Amino acid sequence: MTTVSNFFKCEDAYLFRSFLDSAGINGYVLDENFSQWFWYYSHTVGGIRVVVADEDAEQAEQLFIEYNESMKTTPFVERPVRAWPIMALLSLCAGFPLILFGRKSNNEGQHDTDPEI
């Protein structure tokens, strides 16, 4: 087994493993439990490893470069929660969190931030 990459969040490791699976390469995530239980030692041991079979190592390294490039160019727009004070007040009154209902969907409010429209 050859280590292709190291990650410090298990979500990132599983995303890359899924990317490898979509290309037909079986990848495995190792040291995930150690990094979650002993998070303060995660950097010491190298984080969470994604490993592949030795015969797939060269192709997986090329896919890792492609994966990194695709992650850099993927636009991610974070929209702030605009009604959070109201949702926080309602959450206190209701006795359970209502913050989940305070976010706008991606399609709503697009005209609010576009000065051209």
N, C-alpha and C. Protein backbone atom coordinates (compact mmCIF):
# COMPACT_ATOMS: atom_id res chain seq x y z
N MET A 1 0.85 -1.18 0.00
CA MET A 1 0.00 0.00 0.00
C MET A 1 0.90 1.24 0.00
N THR A 2 0.47 2.23 -0.77
CA THR A 2 1.22 3.48 -0.89
C THR A 2 0.34 4.63 -0.43
N THR A 3 0.89 5.50 0.41
CA THR A 3 0.17 6.68 0.86
C THR A 3 0.19 7.73 -0.24
N VAL A 4 -0.98 8.15 -0.65
CA VAL A 4 -1.09 9.16 -1.71
C VAL A 4 -1.13 10.56 -1.11
N SER A 5 -1.87 10.72 -0.02
CA SER A 5 -1.99 12.05 0.58
C SER A 5 -2.37 11.93 2.05
N ASN A 6 -2.14 13.03 2.77
CA ASN A 6 -2.52 13.14 4.17
C ASN A 6 -3.48 14.29 4.33
N PHE A 7 -4.46 14.11 5.19
CA PHE A 7 -5.44 15.16 5.47
C PHE A 7 -5.57 15.31 6.98
N PHE A 8 -6.07 16.44 7.42
CA PHE A 8 -6.27 16.66 8.83
C PHE A 8 -7.75 16.68 9.21
N LYS A 9 -8.63 16.55 8.24
CA LYS A 9 -10.06 16.40 8.51
C LYS A 9 -10.53 15.15 7.76
N CYS A 10 -11.31 14.33 8.45
CA CYS A 10 -11.74 13.08 7.82
C CYS A 10 -12.67 13.34 6.64
N GLU A 11 -13.40 14.45 6.67
CA GLU A 11 -14.28 14.77 5.54
C GLU A 11 -13.48 14.96 4.25
N ASP A 12 -12.34 15.64 4.36
CA ASP A 12 -11.49 15.86 3.19
C ASP A 12 -10.92 14.55 2.67
N ALA A 13 -10.54 13.67 3.58
CA ALA A 13 -9.99 12.37 3.18
C ALA A 13 -11.04 11.54 2.45
N TYR A 14 -12.27 11.55 2.95
CA TYR A 14 -13.31 10.78 2.30
C TYR A 14 -13.74 11.39 0.96
N LEU A 15 -13.67 12.70 0.85
CA LEU A 15 -13.95 13.32 -0.46
C LEU A 15 -12.91 12.89 -1.50
N PHE A 16 -11.64 12.89 -1.10
CA PHE A 16 -10.61 12.47 -2.04
C PHE A 16 -10.73 10.98 -2.35
N ARG A 17 -11.07 10.17 -1.36
CA ARG A 17 -11.27 8.74 -1.62
C ARG A 17 -12.41 8.53 -2.60
N SER A 18 -13.48 9.31 -2.48
CA SER A 18 -14.59 9.21 -3.43
C SER A 18 -14.15 9.63 -4.83
N PHE A 19 -13.28 10.65 -4.88
CA PHE A 19 -12.74 11.08 -6.18
C PHE A 19 -11.94 9.94 -6.81
N LEU A 20 -11.15 9.24 -6.01
CA LEU A 20 -10.40 8.09 -6.53
C LEU A 20 -11.33 6.98 -6.97
N ASP A 21 -12.36 6.72 -6.19
CA ASP A 21 -13.33 5.67 -6.55
C ASP A 21 -14.02 5.98 -7.87
N SER A 22 -14.30 7.27 -8.12
CA SER A 22 -14.95 7.63 -9.38
C SER A 22 -14.03 7.40 -10.57
N ALA A 23 -12.72 7.39 -10.33
CA ALA A 23 -11.75 7.11 -11.40
C ALA A 23 -11.42 5.62 -11.49
N GLY A 24 -12.04 4.80 -10.64
CA GLY A 24 -11.82 3.36 -10.71
C GLY A 24 -10.67 2.86 -9.86
N ILE A 25 -10.19 3.66 -8.92
CA ILE A 25 -9.10 3.26 -8.04
C ILE A 25 -9.65 3.08 -6.63
N ASN A 26 -9.37 1.95 -6.04
CA ASN A 26 -9.82 1.69 -4.66
C ASN A 26 -8.86 2.37 -3.69
N GLY A 27 -9.38 3.32 -2.95
CA GLY A 27 -8.60 4.01 -1.94
C GLY A 27 -9.11 3.65 -0.56
N TYR A 28 -8.23 3.74 0.42
CA TYR A 28 -8.59 3.41 1.79
C TYR A 28 -8.16 4.54 2.71
N VAL A 29 -8.99 4.84 3.69
CA VAL A 29 -8.70 5.89 4.66
C VAL A 29 -8.18 5.22 5.92
N LEU A 30 -6.97 5.63 6.35
CA LEU A 30 -6.36 5.06 7.54
C LEU A 30 -6.10 6.14 8.58
N ASP A 31 -6.02 5.74 9.82
CA ASP A 31 -5.72 6.61 10.97
C ASP A 31 -6.82 7.62 11.24
N GLU A 32 -8.01 7.35 10.77
CA GLU A 32 -9.13 8.28 11.00
C GLU A 32 -9.52 8.29 12.48
N ASN A 33 -9.67 7.12 13.07
CA ASN A 33 -10.10 7.07 14.46
C ASN A 33 -9.07 7.68 15.40
N PHE A 34 -7.80 7.42 15.15
CA PHE A 34 -6.76 8.01 15.99
C PHE A 34 -6.81 9.52 15.93
N SER A 35 -6.99 10.05 14.73
CA SER A 35 -7.02 11.51 14.57
C SER A 35 -8.26 12.13 15.20
N GLN A 36 -9.34 11.39 15.27
CA GLN A 36 -10.53 11.93 15.90
C GLN A 36 -10.48 11.81 17.42
N TRP A 37 -9.97 10.71 17.92
CA TRP A 37 -9.90 10.53 19.37
C TRP A 37 -8.79 11.37 19.99
N PHE A 38 -7.64 11.41 19.33
CA PHE A 38 -6.49 12.14 19.86
C PHE A 38 -6.15 13.27 18.89
N TRP A 39 -7.07 14.20 18.73
CA TRP A 39 -6.92 15.28 17.75
C TRP A 39 -5.68 16.11 18.01
N TYR A 40 -5.23 16.19 19.24
CA TYR A 40 -4.06 17.00 19.55
C TYR A 40 -2.76 16.34 19.10
N TYR A 41 -2.80 15.04 18.77
CA TYR A 41 -1.64 14.35 18.21
C TYR A 41 -1.75 14.16 16.70
N SER A 42 -2.81 14.65 16.10
CA SER A 42 -3.07 14.40 14.68
C SER A 42 -1.93 14.90 13.80
N HIS A 43 -1.43 16.09 14.06
CA HIS A 43 -0.34 16.64 13.25
C HIS A 43 0.96 15.86 13.47
N THR A 44 1.13 15.31 14.65
CA THR A 44 2.34 14.57 14.97
C THR A 44 2.46 13.30 14.14
N VAL A 45 1.38 12.58 13.97
CA VAL A 45 1.42 11.32 13.23
C VAL A 45 1.17 11.51 11.74
N GLY A 46 0.91 12.72 11.30
CA GLY A 46 0.72 12.96 9.88
C GLY A 46 -0.72 13.03 9.45
N GLY A 47 -1.65 13.02 10.37
CA GLY A 47 -3.06 13.17 10.02
C GLY A 47 -3.67 11.88 9.51
N ILE A 48 -4.67 12.03 8.68
CA ILE A 48 -5.43 10.92 8.13
C ILE A 48 -4.86 10.60 6.76
N ARG A 49 -4.51 9.34 6.55
CA ARG A 49 -3.86 8.94 5.30
C ARG A 49 -4.86 8.32 4.33
N VAL A 50 -4.68 8.62 3.05
CA VAL A 50 -5.41 7.92 1.99
C VAL A 50 -4.39 7.08 1.25
N VAL A 51 -4.60 5.77 1.25
CA VAL A 51 -3.65 4.85 0.63
C VAL A 51 -4.32 4.10 -0.51
N VAL A 52 -3.49 3.68 -1.47
CA VAL A 52 -3.95 2.89 -2.61
C VAL A 52 -2.99 1.72 -2.80
N ALA A 53 -3.36 0.79 -3.65
CA ALA A 53 -2.47 -0.32 -3.98
C ALA A 53 -1.24 0.21 -4.73
N ASP A 54 -0.13 -0.50 -4.61
CA ASP A 54 1.13 -0.04 -5.21
C ASP A 54 1.03 0.16 -6.72
N GLU A 55 0.27 -0.69 -7.39
CA GLU A 55 0.18 -0.58 -8.86
C GLU A 55 -0.66 0.63 -9.30
N ASP A 56 -1.48 1.18 -8.40
CA ASP A 56 -2.29 2.35 -8.72
C ASP A 56 -1.70 3.65 -8.19
N ALA A 57 -0.52 3.59 -7.59
CA ALA A 57 0.04 4.76 -6.91
C ALA A 57 0.33 5.92 -7.86
N GLU A 58 0.92 5.64 -9.00
CA GLU A 58 1.29 6.71 -9.94
C GLU A 58 0.05 7.42 -10.48
N GLN A 59 -0.95 6.65 -10.86
CA GLN A 59 -2.19 7.25 -11.37
C GLN A 59 -2.91 8.02 -10.26
N ALA A 60 -2.87 7.51 -9.03
CA ALA A 60 -3.52 8.19 -7.91
C ALA A 60 -2.83 9.52 -7.59
N GLU A 61 -1.51 9.57 -7.73
CA GLU A 61 -0.80 10.83 -7.50
C GLU A 61 -1.17 11.88 -8.55
N GLN A 62 -1.34 11.45 -9.79
CA GLN A 62 -1.80 12.37 -10.84
C GLN A 62 -3.22 12.85 -10.54
N LEU A 63 -4.06 11.94 -10.07
CA LEU A 63 -5.43 12.32 -9.71
C LEU A 63 -5.46 13.26 -8.51
N PHE A 64 -4.49 13.12 -7.60
CA PHE A 64 -4.42 14.03 -6.45
C PHE A 64 -4.10 15.45 -6.91
N ILE A 65 -3.22 15.57 -7.89
CA ILE A 65 -2.92 16.90 -8.45
C ILE A 65 -4.15 17.47 -9.12
N GLU A 66 -4.86 16.66 -9.88
CA GLU A 66 -6.10 17.10 -10.53
C GLU A 66 -7.16 17.47 -9.50
N TYR A 67 -7.25 16.70 -8.43
CA TYR A 67 -8.21 16.97 -7.37
C TYR A 67 -7.92 18.32 -6.71
N ASN A 68 -6.66 18.57 -6.40
CA ASN A 68 -6.29 19.85 -5.79
C ASN A 68 -6.60 21.03 -6.70
N GLU A 69 -6.35 20.88 -7.98
CA GLU A 69 -6.65 21.95 -8.93
C GLU A 69 -8.16 22.20 -9.02
N SER A 70 -8.94 21.13 -8.99
CA SER A 70 -10.39 21.30 -9.08
C SER A 70 -10.95 21.93 -7.81
N MET A 71 -10.33 21.66 -6.67
CA MET A 71 -10.80 22.26 -5.42
C MET A 71 -10.46 23.74 -5.34
N LYS A 72 -9.38 24.16 -6.00
CA LYS A 72 -9.00 25.57 -5.99
C LYS A 72 -9.92 26.41 -6.86
N THR A 73 -10.40 25.84 -7.95
CA THR A 73 -11.20 26.60 -8.90
C THR A 73 -12.70 26.48 -8.66
N THR A 74 -13.11 25.65 -7.73
CA THR A 74 -14.54 25.49 -7.45
C THR A 74 -15.04 26.71 -6.69
N PRO A 75 -15.99 27.43 -7.26
CA PRO A 75 -16.48 28.62 -6.55
C PRO A 75 -17.35 28.21 -5.36
N PHE A 76 -17.07 28.81 -4.25
CA PHE A 76 -17.88 28.57 -3.06
C PHE A 76 -18.31 29.93 -2.53
N VAL A 77 -19.59 30.17 -2.58
CA VAL A 77 -20.12 31.44 -2.13
C VAL A 77 -20.84 31.20 -0.82
N GLU A 78 -20.36 31.84 0.22
CA GLU A 78 -21.00 31.70 1.51
C GLU A 78 -21.93 32.88 1.72
N ARG A 79 -23.17 32.59 1.90
CA ARG A 79 -24.15 33.64 2.14
C ARG A 79 -24.42 33.74 3.64
N PRO A 80 -24.36 34.93 4.18
CA PRO A 80 -24.57 35.06 5.62
C PRO A 80 -26.03 34.84 6.00
N VAL A 81 -26.24 34.41 7.22
CA VAL A 81 -27.58 34.27 7.75
C VAL A 81 -28.05 35.66 8.15
N ARG A 82 -29.09 36.14 7.54
CA ARG A 82 -29.53 37.51 7.78
C ARG A 82 -30.54 37.62 8.90
N ALA A 83 -31.23 36.55 9.20
CA ALA A 83 -32.27 36.62 10.22
C ALA A 83 -31.82 35.95 11.51
N TRP A 84 -30.53 35.87 11.75
CA TRP A 84 -30.07 35.14 12.92
C TRP A 84 -30.52 35.76 14.25
N PRO A 85 -30.63 37.07 14.39
CA PRO A 85 -31.10 37.56 15.69
C PRO A 85 -32.54 37.14 16.00
N ILE A 86 -33.38 37.17 14.98
CA ILE A 86 -34.77 36.76 15.17
C ILE A 86 -34.85 35.27 15.48
N MET A 87 -34.08 34.46 14.76
CA MET A 87 -34.10 33.02 14.99
C MET A 87 -33.53 32.68 16.37
N ALA A 88 -32.51 33.43 16.81
CA ALA A 88 -31.96 33.19 18.14
C ALA A 88 -32.98 33.51 19.22
N LEU A 89 -33.72 34.60 19.06
CA LEU A 89 -34.75 34.97 20.02
C LEU A 89 -35.88 33.94 20.04
N LEU A 90 -36.31 33.52 18.87
CA LEU A 90 -37.35 32.50 18.80
C LEU A 90 -36.88 31.17 19.37
N SER A 91 -35.60 30.86 19.19
CA SER A 91 -35.04 29.63 19.75
C SER A 91 -35.09 29.67 21.27
N LEU A 92 -34.78 30.83 21.85
CA LEU A 92 -34.83 30.94 23.30
C LEU A 92 -36.26 30.80 23.81
N CYS A 93 -37.20 31.40 23.09
CA CYS A 93 -38.60 31.31 23.51
C CYS A 93 -39.17 29.90 23.34
N ALA A 94 -38.80 29.24 22.26
CA ALA A 94 -39.34 27.91 21.97
C ALA A 94 -38.69 26.82 22.81
N GLY A 95 -37.46 27.06 23.24
CA GLY A 95 -36.77 26.06 24.04
C GLY A 95 -35.99 25.04 23.23
N PHE A 96 -35.97 25.18 21.92
CA PHE A 96 -35.17 24.31 21.07
C PHE A 96 -34.67 25.14 19.89
N PRO A 97 -33.56 24.72 19.26
CA PRO A 97 -32.94 25.56 18.22
C PRO A 97 -33.77 25.63 16.94
N LEU A 98 -33.96 26.83 16.46
CA LEU A 98 -34.65 27.06 15.19
C LEU A 98 -33.70 27.67 14.16
N ILE A 99 -32.42 27.68 14.45
CA ILE A 99 -31.44 28.31 13.57
C ILE A 99 -31.45 27.65 12.19
N LEU A 100 -31.78 26.38 12.11
CA LEU A 100 -31.79 25.68 10.82
C LEU A 100 -32.77 26.33 9.85
N PHE A 101 -33.82 26.95 10.37
CA PHE A 101 -34.83 27.53 9.50
C PHE A 101 -34.51 28.97 9.15
N GLY A 102 -33.41 29.51 9.62
CA GLY A 102 -33.08 30.90 9.39
C GLY A 102 -32.25 31.15 8.15
N ARG A 103 -31.76 30.12 7.49
CA ARG A 103 -30.94 30.31 6.30
C ARG A 103 -31.79 30.47 5.06
N LYS A 104 -31.32 31.33 4.16
CA LYS A 104 -31.97 31.46 2.86
C LYS A 104 -31.43 30.38 1.94
N SER A 105 -32.23 29.94 1.00
CA SER A 105 -31.73 28.98 0.02
C SER A 105 -30.84 29.72 -0.96
N ASN A 106 -30.12 28.97 -1.79
CA ASN A 106 -29.19 29.58 -2.74
C ASN A 106 -29.90 30.40 -3.80
N ASN A 107 -31.15 30.08 -4.09
CA ASN A 107 -31.86 30.79 -5.15
C ASN A 107 -32.51 32.08 -4.66
N GLU A 108 -32.79 32.14 -3.37
CA GLU A 108 -33.44 33.33 -2.84
C GLU A 108 -32.41 34.42 -2.57
N GLY A 109 -32.79 35.63 -2.77
CA GLY A 109 -31.96 36.76 -2.39
C GLY A 109 -30.78 37.03 -3.30
N GLN A 110 -30.73 36.45 -4.49
CA GLN A 110 -29.61 36.71 -5.37
C GLN A 110 -29.63 38.14 -5.88
N HIS A 111 -30.81 38.72 -6.02
CA HIS A 111 -30.90 40.08 -6.53
C HIS A 111 -30.51 41.11 -5.49
N ASP A 112 -30.48 40.71 -4.22
CA ASP A 112 -30.12 41.63 -3.16
C ASP A 112 -28.65 42.05 -3.22
N THR A 113 -27.78 41.14 -3.68
CA THR A 113 -26.35 41.41 -3.65
C THR A 113 -25.80 41.82 -5.01
N ASP A 114 -26.58 41.68 -6.08
CA ASP A 114 -26.10 42.04 -7.41
C ASP A 114 -26.44 43.51 -7.70
N PRO A 115 -25.43 44.39 -7.79
CA PRO A 115 -25.73 45.80 -8.03
C PRO A 115 -26.17 46.08 -9.47
N GLU A 116 -25.91 45.14 -10.38
CA GLU A 116 -26.25 45.36 -11.79
C GLU A 116 -27.74 45.22 -12.06
N ILE A 117 -28.45 44.54 -11.20
CA ILE A 117 -29.86 44.24 -11.46
C ILE A 117 -30.74 45.27 -10.80
